[in-house]
N, C-alpha and C. Protein backbone atom coordinates (compact mmCIF):
# COMPACT_ATOMS: atom_id res chain seq x y z
N MET A 1 128.25 130.78 -34.44
CA MET A 1 127.46 130.63 -35.65
C MET A 1 127.34 131.99 -36.36
N GLU A 2 127.53 131.97 -37.62
CA GLU A 2 127.52 133.19 -38.43
C GLU A 2 126.09 133.70 -38.63
N ASN A 3 125.92 135.00 -38.64
CA ASN A 3 124.61 135.60 -38.90
C ASN A 3 124.39 135.68 -40.40
N ASN A 4 123.50 134.86 -40.91
CA ASN A 4 123.24 134.79 -42.35
C ASN A 4 122.17 135.77 -42.80
N HIS A 5 121.61 136.54 -41.89
CA HIS A 5 120.48 137.38 -42.25
C HIS A 5 120.85 138.55 -43.16
N ASP A 6 122.11 138.90 -43.21
CA ASP A 6 122.52 140.05 -44.02
C ASP A 6 123.01 139.66 -45.41
N GLN A 7 122.94 138.38 -45.75
CA GLN A 7 123.43 137.94 -47.04
C GLN A 7 122.48 138.34 -48.16
N THR A 8 123.05 138.64 -49.31
CA THR A 8 122.27 139.07 -50.46
C THR A 8 121.61 137.89 -51.14
N VAL A 9 120.34 138.05 -51.43
CA VAL A 9 119.57 137.03 -52.15
C VAL A 9 119.48 137.46 -53.61
N SER A 10 119.78 136.54 -54.51
CA SER A 10 119.63 136.79 -55.94
C SER A 10 118.60 135.81 -56.49
N ILE A 11 117.76 136.29 -57.41
CA ILE A 11 116.75 135.45 -58.05
C ILE A 11 117.18 135.21 -59.50
N PHE A 12 117.26 133.94 -59.87
CA PHE A 12 117.66 133.55 -61.22
C PHE A 12 116.68 132.52 -61.77
N SER A 13 116.69 132.35 -63.09
CA SER A 13 115.96 131.25 -63.70
C SER A 13 116.63 129.94 -63.29
N ALA A 14 115.83 128.91 -63.04
CA ALA A 14 116.35 127.60 -62.68
C ALA A 14 116.36 126.71 -63.92
N THR A 15 117.30 125.76 -63.95
CA THR A 15 117.41 124.81 -65.05
C THR A 15 117.57 123.40 -64.48
N TRP A 16 117.68 122.43 -65.37
CA TRP A 16 117.86 121.05 -64.93
C TRP A 16 119.12 120.89 -64.08
N ARG A 17 120.06 121.79 -64.23
CA ARG A 17 121.29 121.73 -63.42
C ARG A 17 121.01 121.99 -61.93
N ASP A 18 119.84 122.50 -61.63
CA ASP A 18 119.47 122.81 -60.25
C ASP A 18 118.71 121.68 -59.57
N LEU A 19 118.70 120.51 -60.19
CA LEU A 19 117.94 119.38 -59.66
C LEU A 19 118.33 119.04 -58.23
N GLY A 20 119.63 119.00 -57.93
CA GLY A 20 120.07 118.66 -56.58
C GLY A 20 119.57 119.64 -55.54
N GLY A 21 119.67 120.93 -55.83
CA GLY A 21 119.17 121.94 -54.91
C GLY A 21 117.67 121.88 -54.72
N LEU A 22 116.95 121.62 -55.81
CA LEU A 22 115.50 121.51 -55.72
C LEU A 22 115.10 120.28 -54.90
N LYS A 23 115.81 119.17 -55.08
CA LYS A 23 115.52 117.97 -54.28
C LYS A 23 115.67 118.27 -52.80
N GLN A 24 116.71 119.02 -52.44
CA GLN A 24 116.95 119.36 -51.04
C GLN A 24 115.81 120.23 -50.49
N ILE A 25 115.39 121.23 -51.27
CA ILE A 25 114.29 122.10 -50.84
C ILE A 25 113.01 121.29 -50.65
N GLU A 26 112.70 120.43 -51.60
CA GLU A 26 111.49 119.61 -51.50
C GLU A 26 111.52 118.74 -50.25
N ARG A 27 112.63 118.07 -50.01
CA ARG A 27 112.73 117.17 -48.84
C ARG A 27 112.58 117.93 -47.53
N GLN A 28 113.20 119.12 -47.45
CA GLN A 28 113.17 119.86 -46.19
C GLN A 28 111.86 120.62 -45.99
N CYS A 29 111.29 121.15 -47.07
CA CYS A 29 110.08 121.96 -46.94
C CYS A 29 108.80 121.12 -46.93
N PHE A 30 108.82 120.01 -47.65
CA PHE A 30 107.62 119.19 -47.80
C PHE A 30 107.95 117.73 -47.52
N PRO A 31 108.33 117.40 -46.30
CA PRO A 31 108.80 116.03 -46.02
C PRO A 31 107.76 114.95 -46.33
N ILE A 32 106.50 115.25 -46.16
CA ILE A 32 105.45 114.26 -46.42
C ILE A 32 105.10 114.22 -47.90
N ASP A 33 105.15 115.35 -48.55
CA ASP A 33 104.65 115.47 -49.93
C ASP A 33 105.70 115.88 -50.94
N ALA A 34 106.97 115.61 -50.67
CA ALA A 34 108.02 115.99 -51.63
C ALA A 34 107.72 115.35 -52.98
N TRP A 35 107.90 116.13 -54.03
CA TRP A 35 107.65 115.63 -55.38
C TRP A 35 108.61 114.49 -55.69
N PRO A 36 108.13 113.48 -56.43
CA PRO A 36 109.04 112.43 -56.89
C PRO A 36 110.01 112.99 -57.94
N LEU A 37 111.09 112.27 -58.15
CA LEU A 37 112.14 112.70 -59.06
C LEU A 37 111.61 113.08 -60.44
N ILE A 38 110.70 112.31 -60.98
CA ILE A 38 110.17 112.59 -62.33
C ILE A 38 109.47 113.95 -62.37
N ASP A 39 108.76 114.32 -61.30
CA ASP A 39 108.10 115.63 -61.25
C ASP A 39 109.11 116.75 -61.14
N LEU A 40 110.17 116.52 -60.38
CA LEU A 40 111.22 117.53 -60.25
C LEU A 40 111.91 117.77 -61.59
N ILE A 41 112.21 116.70 -62.30
CA ILE A 41 112.81 116.83 -63.63
C ILE A 41 111.85 117.57 -64.55
N GLY A 42 110.58 117.21 -64.47
CA GLY A 42 109.57 117.86 -65.32
C GLY A 42 109.47 119.35 -65.08
N VAL A 43 109.40 119.76 -63.82
CA VAL A 43 109.25 121.18 -63.53
C VAL A 43 110.48 121.98 -63.97
N LEU A 44 111.62 121.31 -64.08
CA LEU A 44 112.84 121.99 -64.51
C LEU A 44 113.06 121.94 -66.01
N THR A 45 112.25 121.17 -66.74
CA THR A 45 112.51 121.01 -68.18
C THR A 45 111.30 121.28 -69.08
N ILE A 46 110.09 121.18 -68.57
CA ILE A 46 108.91 121.38 -69.42
C ILE A 46 108.90 122.82 -69.93
N PRO A 47 108.66 123.01 -71.23
CA PRO A 47 108.62 124.37 -71.78
C PRO A 47 107.52 125.22 -71.15
N ASN A 48 107.74 126.51 -71.15
CA ASN A 48 106.75 127.51 -70.71
C ASN A 48 106.44 127.48 -69.23
N VAL A 49 107.25 126.82 -68.43
CA VAL A 49 107.10 126.88 -66.97
C VAL A 49 108.05 127.97 -66.47
N VAL A 50 107.52 128.86 -65.63
CA VAL A 50 108.37 129.85 -64.96
C VAL A 50 108.98 129.14 -63.77
N ARG A 51 110.30 129.07 -63.74
CA ARG A 51 111.01 128.40 -62.64
C ARG A 51 112.14 129.30 -62.18
N LEU A 52 112.07 129.68 -60.93
CA LEU A 52 113.04 130.63 -60.38
C LEU A 52 113.65 130.06 -59.11
N LYS A 53 114.92 130.37 -58.91
CA LYS A 53 115.61 129.95 -57.70
C LYS A 53 116.12 131.17 -56.97
N ALA A 54 116.13 131.08 -55.65
CA ALA A 54 116.74 132.10 -54.81
C ALA A 54 118.10 131.55 -54.39
N VAL A 55 119.14 132.37 -54.58
CA VAL A 55 120.50 131.92 -54.32
C VAL A 55 121.19 132.87 -53.35
N ILE A 56 121.86 132.27 -52.37
CA ILE A 56 122.72 133.01 -51.44
C ILE A 56 124.06 132.29 -51.42
N ASP A 57 125.12 133.02 -51.69
CA ASP A 57 126.47 132.44 -51.69
C ASP A 57 126.54 131.15 -52.53
N GLU A 58 125.97 131.20 -53.71
CA GLU A 58 125.99 130.10 -54.67
C GLU A 58 125.20 128.88 -54.22
N GLN A 59 124.40 129.00 -53.16
CA GLN A 59 123.56 127.89 -52.71
C GLN A 59 122.10 128.23 -53.00
N ILE A 60 121.37 127.26 -53.55
CA ILE A 60 119.94 127.45 -53.77
C ILE A 60 119.24 127.32 -52.43
N VAL A 61 118.54 128.39 -52.04
CA VAL A 61 117.85 128.38 -50.75
C VAL A 61 116.34 128.45 -50.91
N GLY A 62 115.86 128.69 -52.15
CA GLY A 62 114.42 128.76 -52.39
C GLY A 62 114.12 128.50 -53.85
N PHE A 63 112.86 128.13 -54.11
CA PHE A 63 112.45 127.79 -55.47
C PHE A 63 110.96 128.07 -55.62
N VAL A 64 110.58 128.51 -56.82
CA VAL A 64 109.17 128.67 -57.16
C VAL A 64 108.99 128.25 -58.61
N ALA A 65 107.84 127.65 -58.90
CA ALA A 65 107.50 127.30 -60.28
C ALA A 65 106.04 127.62 -60.53
N GLY A 66 105.77 128.18 -61.70
CA GLY A 66 104.40 128.51 -62.09
C GLY A 66 104.21 128.26 -63.56
N ASP A 67 102.96 127.96 -63.94
CA ASP A 67 102.69 127.76 -65.35
C ASP A 67 101.37 128.37 -65.76
N LYS A 68 101.37 128.86 -67.01
CA LYS A 68 100.17 129.46 -67.58
C LYS A 68 99.27 128.35 -68.09
N ARG A 69 97.97 128.56 -67.93
CA ARG A 69 96.99 127.56 -68.36
C ARG A 69 96.30 128.02 -69.64
N GLY A 70 96.83 127.58 -70.75
CA GLY A 70 96.20 127.85 -72.04
C GLY A 70 95.90 129.31 -72.28
N SER A 71 94.75 129.56 -72.84
CA SER A 71 94.37 130.93 -73.20
C SER A 71 93.42 131.54 -72.17
N LYS A 72 93.39 130.99 -70.96
CA LYS A 72 92.43 131.44 -69.95
C LYS A 72 92.89 132.64 -69.15
N ASP A 73 94.08 133.20 -69.46
CA ASP A 73 94.65 134.28 -68.67
C ASP A 73 94.73 133.88 -67.19
N LEU A 74 95.09 132.61 -66.97
CA LEU A 74 95.17 132.04 -65.63
C LEU A 74 96.49 131.29 -65.50
N SER A 75 97.15 131.46 -64.37
CA SER A 75 98.37 130.72 -64.06
C SER A 75 98.21 130.03 -62.72
N TRP A 76 98.99 128.98 -62.54
CA TRP A 76 99.06 128.27 -61.26
C TRP A 76 100.50 128.31 -60.76
N ILE A 77 100.68 128.66 -59.52
CA ILE A 77 101.97 128.49 -58.88
C ILE A 77 101.96 127.07 -58.31
N ALA A 78 102.81 126.23 -58.90
CA ALA A 78 102.80 124.81 -58.57
C ALA A 78 103.52 124.51 -57.26
N THR A 79 104.57 125.26 -56.99
CA THR A 79 105.33 125.03 -55.76
C THR A 79 106.12 126.29 -55.42
N ILE A 80 106.28 126.50 -54.13
CA ILE A 80 107.17 127.55 -53.64
C ILE A 80 107.68 127.07 -52.28
N GLY A 81 109.00 127.15 -52.11
CA GLY A 81 109.58 126.71 -50.86
C GLY A 81 110.91 127.38 -50.60
N VAL A 82 111.21 127.58 -49.33
CA VAL A 82 112.48 128.16 -48.90
C VAL A 82 113.02 127.26 -47.79
N LEU A 83 114.31 126.92 -47.88
CA LEU A 83 114.91 126.08 -46.85
C LEU A 83 114.59 126.65 -45.46
N PRO A 84 114.25 125.78 -44.51
CA PRO A 84 113.84 126.26 -43.18
C PRO A 84 114.84 127.22 -42.53
N SER A 85 116.14 127.00 -42.70
CA SER A 85 117.13 127.88 -42.06
C SER A 85 117.20 129.25 -42.72
N TYR A 86 116.51 129.45 -43.84
CA TYR A 86 116.50 130.74 -44.54
C TYR A 86 115.11 131.38 -44.55
N GLN A 87 114.16 130.78 -43.85
CA GLN A 87 112.81 131.32 -43.83
C GLN A 87 112.72 132.58 -42.97
N ARG A 88 111.67 133.34 -43.18
CA ARG A 88 111.38 134.58 -42.45
C ARG A 88 112.39 135.69 -42.76
N ARG A 89 112.89 135.69 -43.99
CA ARG A 89 113.82 136.74 -44.43
C ARG A 89 113.32 137.44 -45.68
N GLY A 90 112.10 137.15 -46.10
CA GLY A 90 111.56 137.79 -47.29
C GLY A 90 111.88 137.08 -48.59
N ILE A 91 112.51 135.91 -48.51
CA ILE A 91 112.90 135.20 -49.72
C ILE A 91 111.67 134.68 -50.46
N ALA A 92 110.71 134.12 -49.74
CA ALA A 92 109.48 133.64 -50.39
C ALA A 92 108.74 134.81 -51.04
N THR A 93 108.75 135.96 -50.39
CA THR A 93 108.12 137.16 -50.96
C THR A 93 108.78 137.52 -52.29
N GLN A 94 110.12 137.53 -52.31
CA GLN A 94 110.83 137.86 -53.55
C GLN A 94 110.52 136.85 -54.65
N LEU A 95 110.49 135.57 -54.29
CA LEU A 95 110.18 134.54 -55.29
C LEU A 95 108.75 134.70 -55.81
N LEU A 96 107.81 134.94 -54.92
CA LEU A 96 106.41 135.10 -55.31
C LEU A 96 106.23 136.29 -56.25
N ILE A 97 106.79 137.42 -55.90
CA ILE A 97 106.66 138.62 -56.73
C ILE A 97 107.30 138.40 -58.10
N SER A 98 108.48 137.82 -58.12
CA SER A 98 109.17 137.58 -59.39
C SER A 98 108.40 136.61 -60.27
N CYS A 99 107.85 135.57 -59.67
CA CYS A 99 107.09 134.59 -60.43
C CYS A 99 105.81 135.22 -61.00
N GLU A 100 105.10 135.99 -60.18
CA GLU A 100 103.89 136.66 -60.66
C GLU A 100 104.20 137.55 -61.86
N GLU A 101 105.29 138.31 -61.77
CA GLU A 101 105.66 139.21 -62.87
C GLU A 101 105.94 138.43 -64.15
N LYS A 102 106.67 137.33 -64.03
CA LYS A 102 107.03 136.55 -65.21
C LYS A 102 105.82 135.80 -65.79
N LEU A 103 104.89 135.40 -64.94
CA LEU A 103 103.69 134.72 -65.44
C LEU A 103 102.84 135.68 -66.26
N GLY A 104 102.65 136.89 -65.76
CA GLY A 104 101.99 137.94 -66.52
C GLY A 104 100.50 137.78 -66.75
N THR A 105 99.85 136.83 -66.10
CA THR A 105 98.41 136.66 -66.27
C THR A 105 97.65 137.49 -65.24
N SER A 106 96.38 137.74 -65.52
CA SER A 106 95.60 138.56 -64.58
C SER A 106 95.07 137.74 -63.40
N ARG A 107 95.05 136.41 -63.53
CA ARG A 107 94.62 135.56 -62.41
C ARG A 107 95.71 134.52 -62.12
N ILE A 108 96.01 134.38 -60.85
CA ILE A 108 97.00 133.40 -60.42
C ILE A 108 96.40 132.61 -59.26
N ARG A 109 96.55 131.30 -59.34
CA ARG A 109 96.05 130.42 -58.28
C ARG A 109 97.18 129.61 -57.69
N LEU A 110 96.97 129.13 -56.48
CA LEU A 110 97.90 128.22 -55.82
C LEU A 110 97.14 127.46 -54.76
N SER A 111 97.72 126.35 -54.32
CA SER A 111 97.13 125.59 -53.22
C SER A 111 98.16 125.48 -52.11
N VAL A 112 97.67 125.35 -50.89
CA VAL A 112 98.53 125.31 -49.72
C VAL A 112 97.86 124.46 -48.65
N ARG A 113 98.68 123.76 -47.86
CA ARG A 113 98.13 123.00 -46.73
C ARG A 113 97.28 123.94 -45.87
N ILE A 114 96.14 123.46 -45.49
CA ILE A 114 95.18 124.28 -44.75
C ILE A 114 95.74 124.75 -43.40
N ASN A 115 96.75 124.04 -42.86
CA ASN A 115 97.31 124.43 -41.56
C ASN A 115 98.64 125.18 -41.69
N ASN A 116 99.03 125.55 -42.89
CA ASN A 116 100.29 126.29 -43.10
C ASN A 116 100.02 127.79 -42.94
N LYS A 117 99.90 128.19 -41.69
CA LYS A 117 99.47 129.56 -41.36
C LYS A 117 100.41 130.63 -41.92
N SER A 118 101.74 130.40 -41.85
CA SER A 118 102.66 131.43 -42.32
C SER A 118 102.56 131.62 -43.83
N ALA A 119 102.40 130.54 -44.59
CA ALA A 119 102.24 130.67 -46.04
C ALA A 119 100.92 131.35 -46.36
N ILE A 120 99.86 130.98 -45.67
CA ILE A 120 98.55 131.59 -45.92
C ILE A 120 98.61 133.09 -45.62
N PHE A 121 99.28 133.46 -44.53
CA PHE A 121 99.43 134.88 -44.21
C PHE A 121 100.16 135.61 -45.33
N LEU A 122 101.23 135.01 -45.85
CA LEU A 122 101.97 135.62 -46.96
C LEU A 122 101.06 135.82 -48.17
N TYR A 123 100.36 134.78 -48.56
CA TYR A 123 99.51 134.88 -49.75
C TYR A 123 98.40 135.91 -49.57
N GLU A 124 97.77 135.91 -48.41
CA GLU A 124 96.70 136.89 -48.17
C GLU A 124 97.25 138.31 -48.17
N SER A 125 98.47 138.50 -47.65
CA SER A 125 99.05 139.84 -47.61
C SER A 125 99.39 140.35 -49.01
N PHE A 126 99.46 139.43 -49.99
CA PHE A 126 99.71 139.82 -51.37
C PHE A 126 98.45 139.76 -52.23
N GLY A 127 97.29 139.76 -51.60
CA GLY A 127 96.04 139.88 -52.33
C GLY A 127 95.39 138.58 -52.76
N TYR A 128 95.90 137.46 -52.32
CA TYR A 128 95.26 136.18 -52.64
C TYR A 128 94.06 135.98 -51.73
N GLN A 129 93.00 135.44 -52.31
CA GLN A 129 91.78 135.16 -51.55
C GLN A 129 91.43 133.69 -51.69
N ARG A 130 90.98 133.12 -50.60
CA ARG A 130 90.62 131.70 -50.61
C ARG A 130 89.35 131.51 -51.43
N ILE A 131 89.42 130.57 -52.38
CA ILE A 131 88.27 130.33 -53.26
C ILE A 131 87.73 128.90 -53.18
N ASP A 132 88.49 127.99 -52.56
CA ASP A 132 88.05 126.60 -52.55
C ASP A 132 88.85 125.82 -51.51
N THR A 133 88.36 124.63 -51.21
CA THR A 133 89.09 123.67 -50.38
C THR A 133 89.08 122.34 -51.12
N TRP A 134 90.25 121.75 -51.24
CA TRP A 134 90.36 120.42 -51.81
C TRP A 134 90.53 119.45 -50.65
N ARG A 135 89.52 118.62 -50.43
CA ARG A 135 89.54 117.67 -49.32
C ARG A 135 90.53 116.54 -49.58
N ASN A 136 91.24 116.14 -48.53
CA ASN A 136 92.16 114.99 -48.59
C ASN A 136 93.17 115.11 -49.72
N TYR A 137 93.64 116.31 -49.98
CA TYR A 137 94.53 116.55 -51.12
C TYR A 137 95.93 115.97 -50.90
N TYR A 138 96.44 116.10 -49.69
CA TYR A 138 97.81 115.68 -49.42
C TYR A 138 97.86 114.21 -48.99
N GLN A 139 99.05 113.64 -49.08
CA GLN A 139 99.21 112.20 -48.85
C GLN A 139 98.75 111.76 -47.46
N ASP A 140 98.84 112.65 -46.48
CA ASP A 140 98.43 112.28 -45.13
C ASP A 140 96.95 112.59 -44.87
N GLY A 141 96.22 112.96 -45.93
CA GLY A 141 94.79 113.24 -45.80
C GLY A 141 94.45 114.68 -45.48
N SER A 142 95.46 115.53 -45.32
CA SER A 142 95.19 116.94 -45.04
C SER A 142 94.54 117.62 -46.24
N ASP A 143 93.76 118.64 -45.93
CA ASP A 143 93.10 119.43 -46.97
C ASP A 143 94.03 120.51 -47.50
N ALA A 144 93.74 120.94 -48.72
CA ALA A 144 94.44 122.08 -49.32
C ALA A 144 93.46 123.23 -49.46
N ALA A 145 93.92 124.42 -49.14
CA ALA A 145 93.16 125.64 -49.41
C ALA A 145 93.63 126.16 -50.77
N VAL A 146 92.68 126.52 -51.61
CA VAL A 146 93.01 127.06 -52.93
C VAL A 146 92.80 128.57 -52.88
N PHE A 147 93.82 129.30 -53.31
CA PHE A 147 93.78 130.76 -53.30
C PHE A 147 93.90 131.28 -54.72
N GLU A 148 93.30 132.45 -54.94
CA GLU A 148 93.41 133.11 -56.24
C GLU A 148 93.67 134.59 -56.02
N LYS A 149 94.50 135.13 -56.91
CA LYS A 149 94.76 136.57 -56.92
C LYS A 149 94.36 137.08 -58.29
N THR A 150 93.61 138.17 -58.31
CA THR A 150 93.24 138.82 -59.56
C THR A 150 94.01 140.13 -59.64
N ARG A 151 94.75 140.26 -60.72
CA ARG A 151 95.58 141.45 -60.90
C ARG A 151 94.99 142.28 -62.04
N LEU A 152 95.29 143.56 -62.04
CA LEU A 152 94.87 144.42 -63.12
C LEU A 152 95.59 144.04 -64.38
N SER A 153 94.96 144.19 -65.51
CA SER A 153 95.61 143.88 -66.80
C SER A 153 96.85 144.71 -66.97
N GLY A 154 97.84 144.12 -67.62
CA GLY A 154 99.04 144.85 -67.94
C GLY A 154 100.09 144.84 -66.85
N LEU A 155 99.85 144.09 -65.77
CA LEU A 155 100.86 144.02 -64.71
C LEU A 155 101.82 142.90 -64.97
């Protein structure tokens, strides 16, 4: 088996042409809560959504989407996922940083399964703080932890 850990990751804007890759990421990363097709099409086509893909050897291995909320200087990261065979290589970190930069708001929020320890560790290590819990948020009744990061203006 080839060692894929040394492969170069590139971050690009995603488009509707990336629907197949995004479907694969959703199915593998969120088997219980994968977005339906209409939501996947929406996240790839709705104006003003930051949508980025991580690519290795022309394959989409990760995806993040975020959107600004009106004039509140607040954004939400709607989804972030990396194919399981590519996790723990810093790809989610690259996607998160790139998305935050493109969103450009001083406050960014996201939600995560309360038992997703590795994602929570990542978010906390980048300055996100838990601000709420949404009970029974996921289809299987699991709770979501809501995190927020406050950044200095002009970042």
